[in-house]
Amino acid sequence: MPHHHTITTSTTDNMIGRELLEWVVTAKRDARVYACEQDFALFAMYYFAEHFTYAIPGFQWAMYKLLNEFTRGKFRFLLWVMFRESAKTTVAKMYVVYCITYRKKRFINWDSYDKANSESALFDISTWLQTNRRLVADFGQLFYEDPKMSARFSRMKRMGEFITTNRVKVKAYTTQEGTRGRIFDRYRPDLYVVEDYETAKTIESAPVTAKIIKHIDELKAGLSVDGQVIFLGNYISEVGSVAQMIAEAAANPIAWRVQMVAVEKDGEIAWPDKYVATNDEAVKINAGRSRREWVVSLMQLRKDLNASGRKVYEAEMMNNPEAAGEPFFDRERIDKDIVKAKAKPAIKVVGGLSIFEEYVAKYRYAFGGDTSKGVGRDSCTSCGIRFSPGAGVGAKVIGTYASNTIAPDLFAYEMKAHGNLFGECLLAPELNNTGYATVTQLKMLKYPRIYQQVKTDQADQRVTKDLGWEATSANVAAIYFAFRTAYNDGELEVPSLALLLEMRAFTRRDLDMASKKQEVEGITRHFDLLRAGCIAWEMRAVAVVTKAKPYRQGQVESVSEYHG
């Protein structure tokens, strides 16, 4: 992966000395306010002293240093990928308060996948502004709640928006809401905090992940000229939005900074005052401390988080979602192609089909299809590949489609539309349990080119031809190996970001499970688009030049046209 600015846990320099802390406590108000503006770490340690239960570890000093550079406009996008309970959310909330007190920003948005999280963060911030004695003493009442409402306010846990007395607006959103039209007075958002946008729920759905990524792209496009974004996440999926932002940051190190911190690395614990290695160490230390100051045993934490059989500890505490198995594809090559795909997306989208190249009559085309287990579960996917007229090289993925909101029988209409767009080309839906519905419907629609799988009975040598591509324990592994060889050898170009991300996440263990149609360690690891691509690649020897005229967009029959 290309180099980008990454801060590791090796940073150990303390930024604030004891003498400075003692001075700021006794200094005159104006001098203290000025000093704290120059250094966010000093601001946090003075105004939020009660939050520093444990000694500040090296990676948190690095966080404060990055925020100082961020404040000075050294970069626009900050990505924190850190273990659970690393205090990244608390630090981000403190920074919002810092921006309010010094009026560094005018319109602050807090986005999360779950709006309750965003509203909870705003409530904490508003409460600090109202009740933090040191803040009120130095900056006045920046948030003022009507005394008549104080009783209700004390019972609140969430807040959707507020405007401070120095005219800074803070508003809670979700990553499922549009970003257009966000404006306060004449100001566009100039600071976003995007928290917990990738969850165990979102990573199970490629369409949901795609929506989150689109939201983030729109969010960045709608920033004010000097606008900035702080992203807070856990690296829990190799195909999710966090993985994509890491790749984007690698391609643009001027605009981005990335700080990735695992709870432990090479036997060194990132926060040694809060975490210890074993249960025995924890018991010994905690015997002499109050519960608020107890240390946490990583041995016990690993056991608790992995109790379901999933490698939650490895993903959420170690930034290692790849722990489930050895990579199947060349990730270095994929990372380069991911950067290219981000820079050059699909030329257009027709009926949900992302198209990367226009139809040319001289080429051969085929679409592979993988059907879902049911609406709302995995996705019905289609992947189209363009082959050279003859047997030469030069193949390319030209279209991808994924939807978890469509039934397998209705998916036939979509595949028919895809084939029509590319000259009534060959369609090869997988003939699995739900695939029969797709194949049957395609036959009823009288689509002219459905793949016929020839099978010979070894007992009587009887030859049969079945519509669709039938997966068996013997042929599944072979199609993945063939697809990998074509990609690694440069024979197949893959411009689809969604497909590349699935390829990057796919492991040898996933290959074993794909052959057996099983889930990995209780985790639903769907590689539906990759499956469709592998089937499409199998059509390289049987796809033909059709010379049929492609349908114009208005002529293409799809589910939306049939079922409106």
Protein backbone atom coordinates (compact mmCIF):
# COMPACT_ATOMS: atom_id res chain seq x y z
CA MET A 1 0.00 0.00 0.00
CA PRO A 2 1.36 3.48 -0.81
CA HIS A 3 2.81 5.43 2.08
CA HIS A 4 0.58 7.75 4.08
CA HIS A 5 0.92 9.60 7.35
CA THR A 6 0.33 7.01 10.07
CA ILE A 7 0.95 7.62 13.77
CA THR A 8 1.86 4.51 15.73
CA THR A 9 1.85 3.71 19.42
CA SER A 10 5.58 4.31 19.55
CA THR A 11 4.99 8.03 20.18
CA THR A 12 5.91 8.58 23.84
CA ASP A 13 6.82 12.27 24.18
CA ASN A 14 4.68 14.00 26.76
CA MET A 15 3.42 17.30 25.43
CA ILE A 16 2.43 18.93 28.70
CA GLY A 17 4.78 19.21 31.64
CA ARG A 18 3.76 19.34 35.31
CA GLU A 19 5.01 22.92 35.70
CA LEU A 20 2.84 24.14 32.84
CA LEU A 21 -0.21 22.40 34.28
CA GLU A 22 0.41 23.98 37.68
CA TRP A 23 0.84 27.37 36.03
CA VAL A 24 -2.38 27.18 34.02
CA VAL A 25 -4.39 26.45 37.18
CA THR A 26 -3.15 29.60 38.93
CA ALA A 27 -2.77 31.87 35.89
CA LYS A 28 -4.99 34.86 35.24
CA ARG A 29 -8.01 34.14 33.08
CA ASP A 30 -6.81 35.92 29.92
CA ALA A 31 -3.38 34.27 30.04
CA ARG A 32 -4.90 30.82 30.64
CA VAL A 33 -7.46 31.20 27.85
CA TYR A 34 -4.72 32.29 25.46
CA ALA A 35 -2.39 29.42 26.43
CA CYS A 36 -5.13 26.81 26.10
CA GLU A 37 -6.03 28.08 22.64
CA GLN A 38 -2.47 27.46 21.46
CA ASP A 39 -2.44 23.83 22.62
CA PHE A 40 -5.50 21.58 22.59
CA ALA A 41 -3.86 19.12 24.98
CA LEU A 42 -3.51 21.86 27.57
CA PHE A 43 -7.15 22.86 26.98
CA ALA A 44 -8.36 19.28 27.50
CA MET A 45 -6.25 18.63 30.59
CA TYR A 46 -7.32 21.82 32.35
CA TYR A 47 -11.01 22.07 31.46
CA PHE A 48 -11.67 18.30 31.56
CA ALA A 49 -9.28 17.24 34.30
CA GLU A 50 -11.84 14.82 35.79
CA HIS A 51 -11.78 12.71 32.64
CA PHE A 52 -8.11 11.78 33.00
CA THR A 53 -8.45 8.77 35.27
CA TYR A 54 -5.50 6.92 33.73
CA ALA A 55 -2.08 8.21 32.72
CA ILE A 56 -2.11 9.54 29.18
CA PRO A 57 -0.55 6.99 26.80
CA GLY A 58 1.71 7.83 23.86
CA PHE A 59 -0.96 7.36 21.20
CA GLN A 60 -3.23 9.93 22.90
CA TRP A 61 -0.43 12.50 22.99
CA ALA A 62 -0.20 11.84 19.26
CA MET A 63 -3.94 12.50 18.95
CA TYR A 64 -3.57 15.90 20.61
CA LYS A 65 -0.61 16.76 18.37
CA LEU A 66 -2.62 15.86 15.28
CA LEU A 67 -5.53 18.01 16.45
CA ASN A 68 -3.19 20.98 16.91
CA GLU A 69 -2.06 20.56 13.30
CA PHE A 70 -5.67 20.04 12.24
CA THR A 71 -6.67 23.32 13.90
CA ARG A 72 -3.95 25.14 11.98
CA GLY A 73 -5.29 23.78 8.71
CA LYS A 74 -2.36 21.48 7.91
CA PHE A 75 -4.79 18.88 6.49
CA ARG A 76 -8.56 18.45 5.96
CA PHE A 77 -9.38 14.87 6.88
CA LEU A 78 -8.39 13.01 10.04
CA LEU A 79 -9.11 9.28 10.36
CA TRP A 80 -8.79 7.60 13.75
CA VAL A 81 -8.95 3.82 13.51
CA MET A 82 -8.56 2.68 17.08
CA PHE A 83 -9.54 -0.04 19.47
CA ARG A 84 -12.66 0.07 21.58
CA GLU A 85 -12.47 2.33 24.67
CA SER A 86 -9.45 4.18 23.29
CA ALA A 87 -11.18 7.49 24.24
CA LYS A 88 -11.34 8.66 20.61
CA THR A 89 -15.01 9.72 20.95
CA THR A 90 -14.36 11.56 24.23
CA VAL A 91 -11.40 13.41 22.71
CA ALA A 92 -13.51 14.33 19.66
CA LYS A 93 -16.27 15.74 21.90
CA MET A 94 -13.69 17.77 23.82
CA TYR A 95 -12.40 19.11 20.52
CA VAL A 96 -15.90 20.22 19.52
CA VAL A 97 -16.11 22.13 22.79
CA TYR A 98 -12.71 23.67 22.02
CA CYS A 99 -13.97 24.80 18.59
CA ILE A 100 -17.08 26.30 20.18
CA THR A 101 -15.30 28.18 22.97
CA TYR A 102 -12.81 29.79 20.60
CA ARG A 103 -15.30 30.00 17.75
CA LYS A 104 -12.99 28.08 15.47
CA LYS A 105 -16.01 26.72 13.63
CA ARG A 106 -19.49 28.05 12.90
CA PHE A 107 -21.56 25.00 11.89
CA ILE A 108 -20.57 21.64 13.38
CA ASN A 109 -22.26 18.37 12.32
CA TRP A 110 -22.01 15.08 14.20
CA ASP A 111 -22.89 12.09 12.01
CA SER A 112 -23.34 8.47 13.04
CA TYR A 113 -25.04 5.43 11.52
CA ASP A 114 -27.37 5.44 14.52
CA LYS A 115 -28.83 8.88 15.17
CA ALA A 116 -29.14 8.08 18.88
CA ASN A 117 -25.34 8.05 19.04
CA SER A 118 -25.14 11.49 17.41
CA GLU A 119 -27.79 12.93 19.69
CA SER A 120 -26.09 11.42 22.76
CA ALA A 121 -22.81 13.12 21.78
CA LEU A 122 -24.58 16.48 21.42
CA PHE A 123 -26.21 16.07 24.79
CA ASP A 124 -22.82 15.46 26.43
CA ILE A 125 -21.36 18.53 24.71
CA SER A 126 -24.29 20.78 25.66
CA THR A 127 -24.15 19.51 29.26
CA TRP A 128 -20.44 20.34 29.49
CA LEU A 129 -21.08 23.83 28.17
CA GLN A 130 -23.76 24.37 30.78
CA THR A 131 -22.26 22.69 33.84
CA ASN A 132 -18.46 22.63 33.51
CA ARG A 133 -17.44 25.21 36.10
CA ARG A 134 -14.05 25.96 34.59
CA LEU A 135 -15.56 26.48 31.12
CA VAL A 136 -18.32 28.72 32.44
CA ALA A 137 -15.87 30.74 34.56
CA ASP A 138 -13.57 31.47 31.61
CA PHE A 139 -15.96 31.61 28.65
CA GLY A 140 -19.32 32.45 30.18
CA GLN A 141 -22.59 30.56 29.69
CA LEU A 142 -22.16 29.28 26.13
CA PHE A 143 -25.19 27.04 26.47
CA TYR A 144 -28.12 28.33 28.46
CA GLU A 145 -31.15 26.27 29.28
CA ASP A 146 -34.25 28.05 30.54
CA PRO A 147 -34.45 27.43 34.34
CA LYS A 148 -38.08 26.43 33.87
CA MET A 149 -36.82 23.59 31.68
CA SER A 150 -33.98 22.51 33.94
CA ALA A 151 -35.82 19.55 35.39
CA ARG A 152 -36.66 18.22 31.93
CA PHE A 153 -33.12 18.90 30.74
CA SER A 154 -31.66 16.88 33.61
CA ARG A 155 -33.66 13.87 32.45
CA MET A 156 -32.61 14.18 28.81
CA LYS A 157 -30.09 11.81 27.28
CA ARG A 158 -30.23 13.00 23.68
CA MET A 159 -30.29 16.31 21.85
CA GLY A 160 -30.83 16.87 18.14
CA GLU A 161 -29.32 20.35 17.77
CA PHE A 162 -28.46 23.54 19.62
CA ILE A 163 -27.03 27.01 19.01
CA THR A 164 -24.57 28.45 21.50
CA THR A 165 -24.68 31.97 22.84
CA ASN A 166 -21.65 32.84 20.68
CA ARG A 167 -23.57 31.71 17.56
CA VAL A 168 -22.13 28.29 16.83
CA LYS A 169 -24.63 25.67 15.68
CA VAL A 170 -24.19 21.96 16.41
CA LYS A 171 -26.54 19.43 14.82
CA ALA A 172 -26.90 15.63 14.94
CA TYR A 173 -27.36 13.60 11.76
CA THR A 174 -27.15 10.02 10.55
CA THR A 175 -25.13 8.62 7.67
CA GLN A 176 -28.46 7.62 6.14
CA GLU A 177 -29.56 11.26 5.70
CA GLY A 178 -28.72 13.44 2.73
CA THR A 179 -26.09 16.15 3.11
CA ARG A 180 -27.51 18.66 0.62
CA GLY A 181 -28.97 21.87 1.99
CA ARG A 182 -27.11 21.82 5.29
CA ILE A 183 -26.54 25.49 6.07
CA PHE A 184 -26.61 27.79 9.09
CA ASP A 185 -26.91 31.52 8.43
CA ARG A 186 -24.57 31.78 5.46
CA TYR A 187 -22.27 28.97 6.61
CA ARG A 188 -21.94 25.48 5.22
CA PRO A 189 -20.69 22.81 7.64
CA ASP A 190 -17.08 23.56 8.51
CA LEU A 191 -16.53 20.63 10.87
CA TYR A 192 -17.92 17.12 10.67
CA VAL A 193 -17.37 14.40 13.23
CA VAL A 194 -18.36 11.08 11.66
CA GLU A 195 -18.58 8.36 14.31
CA ASP A 196 -19.43 4.65 14.20
CA TYR A 197 -20.45 4.77 10.55
CA GLU A 198 -19.37 1.17 10.08
CA THR A 199 -20.98 -1.44 12.33
CA ALA A 200 -21.48 -5.20 12.45
CA LYS A 201 -24.86 -4.53 10.85
CA THR A 202 -23.65 -2.38 7.96
CA ILE A 203 -20.83 -4.67 6.85
CA GLU A 204 -23.27 -7.51 6.18
CA SER A 205 -24.87 -5.53 3.37
CA ALA A 206 -22.91 -4.32 0.36
CA PRO A 207 -25.71 -1.89 -0.65
CA VAL A 208 -25.73 -0.32 2.83
CA THR A 209 -21.95 0.06 2.73
CA ALA A 210 -22.24 1.66 -0.71
CA LYS A 211 -24.79 4.16 0.64
CA ILE A 212 -22.50 5.08 3.53
CA ILE A 213 -19.60 5.65 1.15
CA LYS A 214 -21.81 7.79 -1.09
CA HIS A 215 -22.91 9.77 1.98
CA ILE A 216 -19.30 10.40 2.98
CA ASP A 217 -18.39 11.52 -0.56
CA GLU A 218 -21.35 13.94 -0.59
CA LEU A 219 -20.45 15.14 2.89
CA LYS A 220 -16.92 16.06 1.80
CA ALA A 221 -18.25 17.78 -1.33
CA GLY A 222 -20.65 19.90 0.76
CA LEU A 223 -18.04 21.26 3.16
CA SER A 224 -17.25 24.93 3.42
CA VAL A 225 -14.05 26.07 1.72
CA ASP A 226 -12.13 25.63 4.97
CA GLY A 227 -14.22 22.69 6.18
CA GLN A 228 -12.68 19.64 7.85
CA VAL A 229 -13.77 16.14 8.90
CA ILE A 230 -12.80 13.84 11.77
CA PHE A 231 -13.65 10.16 11.18
CA LEU A 232 -13.85 7.77 14.15
CA GLY A 233 -13.98 4.09 13.30
CA ASN A 234 -13.00 0.50 13.93
CA TYR A 235 -11.37 -1.56 11.21
CA ILE A 236 -13.84 -4.47 11.33
CA SER A 237 -14.18 -5.27 7.63
CA GLU A 238 -11.78 -5.46 4.70
CA VAL A 239 -14.59 -4.44 2.33
CA GLY A 240 -16.18 -1.66 4.33
CA SER A 241 -16.04 2.11 4.32
CA VAL A 242 -13.10 2.28 6.75
CA ALA A 243 -11.00 0.16 4.40
CA GLN A 244 -11.91 2.46 1.53
CA MET A 245 -10.91 5.58 3.44
CA ILE A 246 -7.58 4.04 4.40
CA ALA A 247 -6.97 3.44 0.68
CA GLU A 248 -8.12 6.98 -0.18
CA ALA A 249 -5.81 8.46 2.46
CA ALA A 250 -2.90 6.49 1.07
CA ALA A 251 -3.51 8.06 -2.34
CA ASN A 252 -3.81 11.61 -0.94
CA PRO A 253 -1.39 12.11 1.98
CA ILE A 254 -1.54 15.90 1.72
CA ALA A 255 -5.23 16.13 2.63
CA TRP A 256 -5.37 13.16 5.00
CA ARG A 257 -3.83 11.91 8.22
CA VAL A 258 -4.49 8.41 9.52
CA GLN A 259 -3.81 7.23 13.06
CA MET A 260 -4.24 3.49 13.52
CA VAL A 261 -3.80 2.07 17.01
CA ALA A 262 -4.21 -1.53 18.16
CA VAL A 263 -4.59 -2.28 21.86
CA GLU A 264 -1.37 -4.29 21.72
CA LYS A 265 1.45 -4.79 19.24
CA ASP A 266 4.47 -7.06 19.48
CA GLY A 267 3.74 -7.63 23.16
CA GLU A 268 3.58 -3.88 23.92
CA ILE A 269 0.27 -2.61 25.32
CA ALA A 270 -0.88 0.72 23.87
CA TRP A 271 -2.41 1.98 27.14
CA PRO A 272 -0.38 0.32 29.90
CA ASP A 273 -2.03 2.24 32.73
CA LYS A 274 -5.47 0.89 31.73
CA TYR A 275 -4.76 -2.58 30.29
CA VAL A 276 -2.62 -5.49 31.46
CA ALA A 277 -1.84 -8.78 29.77
CA THR A 278 -3.18 -11.39 32.22
CA ASN A 279 -5.99 -11.98 34.70
CA ASP A 280 -3.48 -12.45 37.54
CA GLU A 281 -2.00 -9.01 36.90
CA ALA A 282 -5.44 -7.42 36.88
CA VAL A 283 -6.50 -9.07 40.15
CA LYS A 284 -3.29 -7.98 41.88
CA ILE A 285 -3.51 -4.34 40.74
CA ASN A 286 -7.27 -3.90 41.20
CA ALA A 287 -7.11 -5.05 44.82
CA GLY A 288 -5.67 -1.68 45.75
CA ARG A 289 -7.79 0.58 43.52
CA SER A 290 -11.30 1.95 43.34
CA ARG A 291 -13.53 0.40 40.69
CA ARG A 292 -13.24 3.55 38.57
CA GLU A 293 -9.47 2.99 38.36
CA TRP A 294 -9.50 -0.76 37.71
CA VAL A 295 -7.28 -2.09 34.97
CA VAL A 296 -8.60 -4.46 32.29
CA SER A 297 -7.12 -7.87 31.51
CA LEU A 298 -6.58 -8.35 27.77
CA MET A 299 -6.66 -12.09 28.35
CA GLN A 300 -10.20 -11.86 29.74
CA LEU A 301 -11.27 -9.25 27.19
CA ARG A 302 -10.21 -11.51 24.31
CA LYS A 303 -12.16 -14.39 25.85
CA ASP A 304 -15.29 -12.28 26.35
CA LEU A 305 -15.31 -10.67 22.89
CA ASN A 306 -14.63 -13.95 21.08
CA ALA A 307 -17.17 -15.95 23.12
CA SER A 308 -19.52 -16.28 20.12
CA GLY A 309 -16.81 -17.84 17.99
CA ARG A 310 -16.27 -14.66 15.97
CA LYS A 311 -12.88 -12.97 16.07
CA VAL A 312 -14.28 -9.73 17.47
CA TYR A 313 -11.18 -9.02 19.56
CA GLU A 314 -8.90 -9.28 16.52
CA ALA A 315 -11.07 -6.92 14.49
CA GLU A 316 -12.18 -4.31 17.03
CA MET A 317 -9.17 -4.30 19.36
CA MET A 318 -6.33 -5.23 17.00
CA ASN A 319 -7.43 -3.58 13.70
CA ASN A 320 -7.11 -6.98 12.07
CA PRO A 321 -10.30 -8.06 10.30
CA GLU A 322 -8.17 -10.30 8.11
CA ALA A 323 -7.43 -12.62 11.03
CA ALA A 324 -9.95 -15.14 9.72
CA GLY A 325 -7.61 -16.38 7.02
CA GLU A 326 -4.80 -15.97 4.50
CA PRO A 327 -5.55 -13.59 1.61
CA PHE A 328 -6.53 -15.32 -1.63
CA PHE A 329 -5.82 -12.47 -4.04
CA ASP A 330 -2.75 -10.24 -4.34
CA ARG A 331 -3.71 -7.37 -2.02
CA GLU A 332 -0.87 -5.12 -3.12
CA ARG A 333 -2.17 -5.23 -6.69
CA ILE A 334 -5.75 -4.74 -5.50
CA ASP A 335 -4.81 -1.71 -3.38
CA LYS A 336 -3.39 -0.01 -6.48
CA ASP A 337 -6.54 -0.79 -8.45
CA ILE A 338 -8.71 0.49 -5.59
CA VAL A 339 -7.04 3.88 -5.88
CA LYS A 340 -7.69 3.87 -9.65
CA ALA A 341 -11.33 2.83 -9.16
CA LYS A 342 -11.94 5.66 -6.68
CA ALA A 343 -10.50 8.14 -9.14
CA LYS A 344 -12.45 6.76 -12.11
CA PRO A 345 -15.90 5.43 -11.12
CA ALA A 346 -18.59 3.97 -13.37
CA ILE A 347 -19.38 6.05 -16.47
CA LYS A 348 -23.09 5.65 -15.73
CA VAL A 349 -25.64 3.65 -13.75
CA VAL A 350 -28.65 2.14 -15.55
CA GLY A 351 -31.32 0.43 -13.44
CA GLY A 352 -28.81 -0.24 -10.66
CA LEU A 353 -26.19 -1.62 -13.05
CA SER A 354 -22.89 0.26 -12.76
CA ILE A 355 -21.43 0.41 -16.27
CA PHE A 356 -17.69 0.94 -16.80
CA GLU A 357 -17.54 0.72 -20.58
CA GLU A 358 -20.00 1.19 -23.45
CA TYR A 359 -21.11 -1.75 -25.58
CA VAL A 360 -19.02 -2.41 -28.72
CA ALA A 361 -20.48 -4.92 -31.18
CA LYS A 362 -17.16 -6.61 -32.06
CA TYR A 363 -16.59 -7.93 -28.53
CA ARG A 364 -18.00 -10.97 -26.77
CA TYR A 365 -19.93 -10.40 -23.53
CA ALA A 366 -21.28 -12.53 -20.70
CA PHE A 367 -22.94 -11.87 -17.34
CA GLY A 368 -22.64 -14.22 -14.39
CA GLY A 369 -25.34 -14.14 -11.72
CA ASP A 370 -25.51 -15.12 -8.06
CA THR A 371 -28.92 -15.21 -6.39
CA SER A 372 -29.73 -14.39 -2.79
CA LYS A 373 -31.17 -16.55 -0.04
CA GLY A 374 -34.00 -14.07 0.34
CA VAL A 375 -34.89 -10.38 0.43
CA GLY A 376 -32.98 -8.48 3.11
CA ARG A 377 -30.28 -11.13 3.45
CA ASP A 378 -27.41 -11.53 0.98
CA SER A 379 -27.54 -9.83 -2.44
CA CYS A 380 -28.61 -10.86 -5.90
CA THR A 381 -25.58 -9.92 -7.96
CA SER A 382 -24.66 -9.70 -11.61
CA CYS A 383 -21.22 -9.14 -13.12
CA GLY A 384 -20.52 -8.62 -16.81
CA ILE A 385 -17.20 -9.24 -18.56
CA ARG A 386 -16.09 -8.15 -22.02
CA PHE A 387 -13.94 -10.64 -23.90
CA SER A 388 -11.88 -10.11 -27.03
CA PRO A 389 -13.42 -11.28 -30.35
CA GLY A 390 -11.13 -14.30 -30.51
CA ALA A 391 -9.13 -16.21 -27.99
CA GLY A 392 -6.73 -13.38 -27.14
CA VAL A 393 -6.32 -11.49 -23.90
CA GLY A 394 -7.84 -8.17 -23.00
CA ALA A 395 -10.90 -8.94 -20.86
CA LYS A 396 -12.56 -6.34 -18.64
CA VAL A 397 -15.36 -6.17 -16.09
CA ILE A 398 -17.87 -3.82 -17.72
CA GLY A 399 -20.84 -3.94 -15.36
CA THR A 400 -21.73 -4.82 -11.77
CA TYR A 401 -25.07 -5.00 -9.96
CA ALA A 402 -26.00 -5.85 -6.37
CA SER A 403 -29.30 -5.65 -4.51
CA ASN A 404 -30.58 -7.31 -1.34
CA THR A 405 -34.11 -5.98 -1.87
CA ILE A 406 -35.11 -8.15 -4.82
CA ALA A 407 -36.45 -11.71 -4.93
CA PRO A 408 -34.65 -14.33 -7.08
CA ASP A 409 -37.51 -14.64 -9.61
CA LEU A 410 -37.67 -10.87 -10.15
CA PHE A 411 -33.88 -10.83 -10.45
CA ALA A 412 -34.43 -12.47 -13.85
CA TYR A 413 -35.86 -9.20 -15.16
CA GLU A 414 -32.71 -7.39 -14.07
CA MET A 415 -30.40 -9.93 -15.67
CA LYS A 416 -32.43 -9.72 -18.88
CA ALA A 417 -32.00 -5.94 -18.81
CA HIS A 418 -28.25 -6.34 -18.33
CA GLY A 419 -28.00 -8.72 -21.25
CA ASN A 420 -30.09 -6.44 -23.47
CA LEU A 421 -27.75 -3.52 -22.79
CA PHE A 422 -24.85 -5.56 -24.17
CA GLY A 423 -26.32 -6.96 -27.35
CA GLU A 424 -28.45 -9.74 -25.86
CA CYS A 425 -25.26 -11.37 -24.62
CA LEU A 426 -24.85 -14.67 -22.78
CA LEU A 427 -26.38 -14.87 -19.27
CA ALA A 428 -25.19 -17.46 -16.74
CA PRO A 429 -27.15 -17.35 -13.47
CA GLU A 430 -25.97 -19.83 -10.87
CA LEU A 431 -28.29 -22.82 -10.66
CA ASN A 432 -28.43 -23.14 -6.87
CA ASN A 433 -31.52 -23.47 -4.69
CA THR A 434 -32.92 -20.01 -5.40
CA GLY A 435 -31.25 -19.80 -8.81
CA TYR A 436 -33.88 -22.12 -10.25
CA ALA A 437 -36.42 -19.31 -9.87
CA THR A 438 -34.17 -16.92 -11.81
CA VAL A 439 -33.45 -19.42 -14.58
CA THR A 440 -37.11 -20.43 -14.88
CA GLN A 441 -38.22 -16.81 -15.15
CA LEU A 442 -35.53 -16.01 -17.75
CA LYS A 443 -36.81 -18.94 -19.81
CA MET A 444 -40.39 -17.68 -19.53
CA LEU A 445 -39.19 -14.24 -20.67
CA LYS A 446 -37.78 -15.98 -23.76
CA TYR A 447 -34.34 -14.54 -23.33
CA PRO A 448 -32.34 -15.91 -26.30
CA ARG A 449 -28.96 -16.69 -24.70
CA ILE A 450 -28.97 -18.54 -21.39
CA TYR A 451 -25.92 -20.65 -20.61
CA GLN A 452 -26.46 -24.40 -21.03
CA GLN A 453 -24.31 -26.63 -18.85
CA VAL A 454 -23.52 -29.92 -20.59
CA LYS A 455 -23.32 -32.94 -18.29
CA THR A 456 -22.46 -36.55 -19.13
CA ASP A 457 -23.76 -39.41 -17.00
CA GLN A 458 -20.76 -41.62 -16.30
CA ALA A 459 -22.91 -44.77 -16.06
CA ASP A 460 -24.70 -44.66 -19.40
CA GLN A 461 -22.88 -41.76 -21.10
CA ARG A 462 -26.18 -39.95 -21.48
CA VAL A 463 -25.66 -36.25 -22.26
CA THR A 464 -27.98 -33.62 -20.74
CA LYS A 465 -28.09 -29.85 -21.07
CA ASP A 466 -29.38 -27.77 -18.17
CA LEU A 467 -29.94 -24.02 -18.27
CA GLY A 468 -27.77 -22.07 -15.81
CA TRP A 469 -24.42 -22.73 -14.21
CA GLU A 470 -24.60 -25.44 -11.54
CA ALA A 471 -22.13 -25.20 -8.66
CA THR A 472 -20.64 -28.42 -7.30
CA SER A 473 -18.00 -29.18 -4.70
CA ALA A 474 -15.70 -30.07 -7.59
CA ASN A 475 -16.03 -26.93 -9.72
CA VAL A 476 -16.47 -24.07 -7.24
CA ALA A 477 -12.83 -23.83 -6.21
CA ALA A 478 -11.77 -24.04 -9.84
CA ILE A 479 -13.70 -20.90 -10.89
CA TYR A 480 -12.12 -18.84 -8.11
CA PHE A 481 -8.62 -20.02 -9.02
CA ALA A 482 -9.25 -19.28 -12.70
CA PHE A 483 -10.53 -15.77 -11.88
CA ARG A 484 -7.53 -15.11 -9.63
CA THR A 485 -5.05 -16.25 -12.27
CA ALA A 486 -6.66 -14.01 -14.90
CA TYR A 487 -6.53 -11.00 -12.58
CA ASN A 488 -3.00 -11.59 -11.27
CA ASP A 489 -1.65 -12.16 -14.80
CA GLY A 490 -3.17 -8.91 -16.07
CA GLU A 491 -5.56 -10.73 -18.41
CA LEU A 492 -8.64 -9.33 -16.66
CA GLU A 493 -9.10 -5.65 -15.78
CA VAL A 494 -11.32 -4.92 -12.76
CA PRO A 495 -12.44 -1.26 -12.51
CA SER A 496 -15.30 -1.94 -10.04
CA LEU A 497 -14.56 -0.70 -6.53
CA ALA A 498 -17.24 -2.94 -5.01
CA LEU A 499 -15.78 -6.03 -6.65
CA LEU A 500 -12.20 -5.10 -5.76
CA LEU A 501 -13.13 -4.73 -2.10
CA GLU A 502 -14.70 -8.17 -2.04
CA MET A 503 -11.60 -9.60 -3.72
CA ARG A 504 -9.39 -7.93 -1.13
CA ALA A 505 -11.36 -9.41 1.75
CA PHE A 506 -11.60 -12.92 0.33
CA THR A 507 -9.41 -15.48 2.09
CA ARG A 508 -8.45 -19.11 1.49
CA ARG A 509 -10.74 -20.00 4.33
CA ASP A 510 -13.60 -18.23 2.59
CA LEU A 511 -12.83 -20.34 -0.48
CA ASP A 512 -13.25 -23.51 1.59
CA MET A 513 -16.52 -22.24 2.97
CA ALA A 514 -17.74 -21.17 -0.48
CA SER A 515 -17.32 -24.72 -1.72
CA LYS A 516 -19.31 -26.01 1.24
CA LYS A 517 -21.89 -23.17 1.24
CA GLN A 518 -21.14 -22.45 4.91
CA GLU A 519 -20.59 -19.36 6.99
CA VAL A 520 -17.25 -18.55 8.60
CA GLU A 521 -17.28 -18.67 12.40
CA GLY A 522 -20.86 -17.48 12.56
CA ILE A 523 -20.06 -14.36 10.53
CA THR A 524 -22.07 -13.77 7.39
CA ARG A 525 -19.21 -13.13 4.96
CA HIS A 526 -20.89 -12.49 1.62
CA PHE A 527 -18.86 -12.36 -1.57
CA ASP A 528 -21.82 -12.38 -3.92
CA LEU A 529 -20.38 -10.02 -6.52
CA LEU A 530 -17.12 -11.98 -6.66
CA ARG A 531 -19.10 -15.17 -7.15
CA ALA A 532 -20.95 -13.62 -10.09
CA GLY A 533 -17.65 -12.42 -11.56
CA CYS A 534 -16.11 -15.89 -11.31
CA ILE A 535 -19.11 -17.39 -13.11
CA ALA A 536 -18.88 -14.73 -15.82
CA TRP A 537 -15.19 -15.55 -16.33
CA GLU A 538 -16.15 -19.21 -16.86
CA MET A 539 -18.09 -18.06 -19.93
CA ARG A 540 -14.91 -16.94 -21.72
CA ALA A 541 -14.82 -19.99 -23.98
CA VAL A 542 -18.52 -20.05 -24.91
CA ALA A 543 -19.45 -16.37 -25.17
CA VAL A 544 -19.93 -15.28 -28.79
CA VAL A 545 -20.17 -12.06 -30.75
CA THR A 546 -23.91 -11.50 -31.04
CA LYS A 547 -23.96 -8.55 -33.44
CA ALA A 548 -27.27 -7.63 -31.85
CA LYS A 549 -28.06 -3.96 -31.40
CA PRO A 550 -27.96 -2.88 -27.78
CA TYR A 551 -31.20 -1.66 -26.29
CA ARG A 552 -31.48 2.01 -25.59
CA GLN A 553 -31.99 2.88 -21.95
CA GLY A 554 -35.69 3.50 -22.38
CA GLN A 555 -36.16 0.12 -24.03
CA VAL A 556 -34.52 -1.93 -21.31
CA GLU A 557 -36.98 -4.04 -19.43
CA SER A 558 -36.37 -4.15 -15.70
CA VAL A 559 -38.20 -4.85 -12.48
CA SER A 560 -38.94 -1.18 -12.00
CA GLU A 561 -40.67 -1.08 -15.40
CA TYR A 562 -42.60 -4.29 -14.83
CA HIS A 563 -43.54 -3.74 -11.24
CA GLY A 564 -43.26 0.01 -10.85
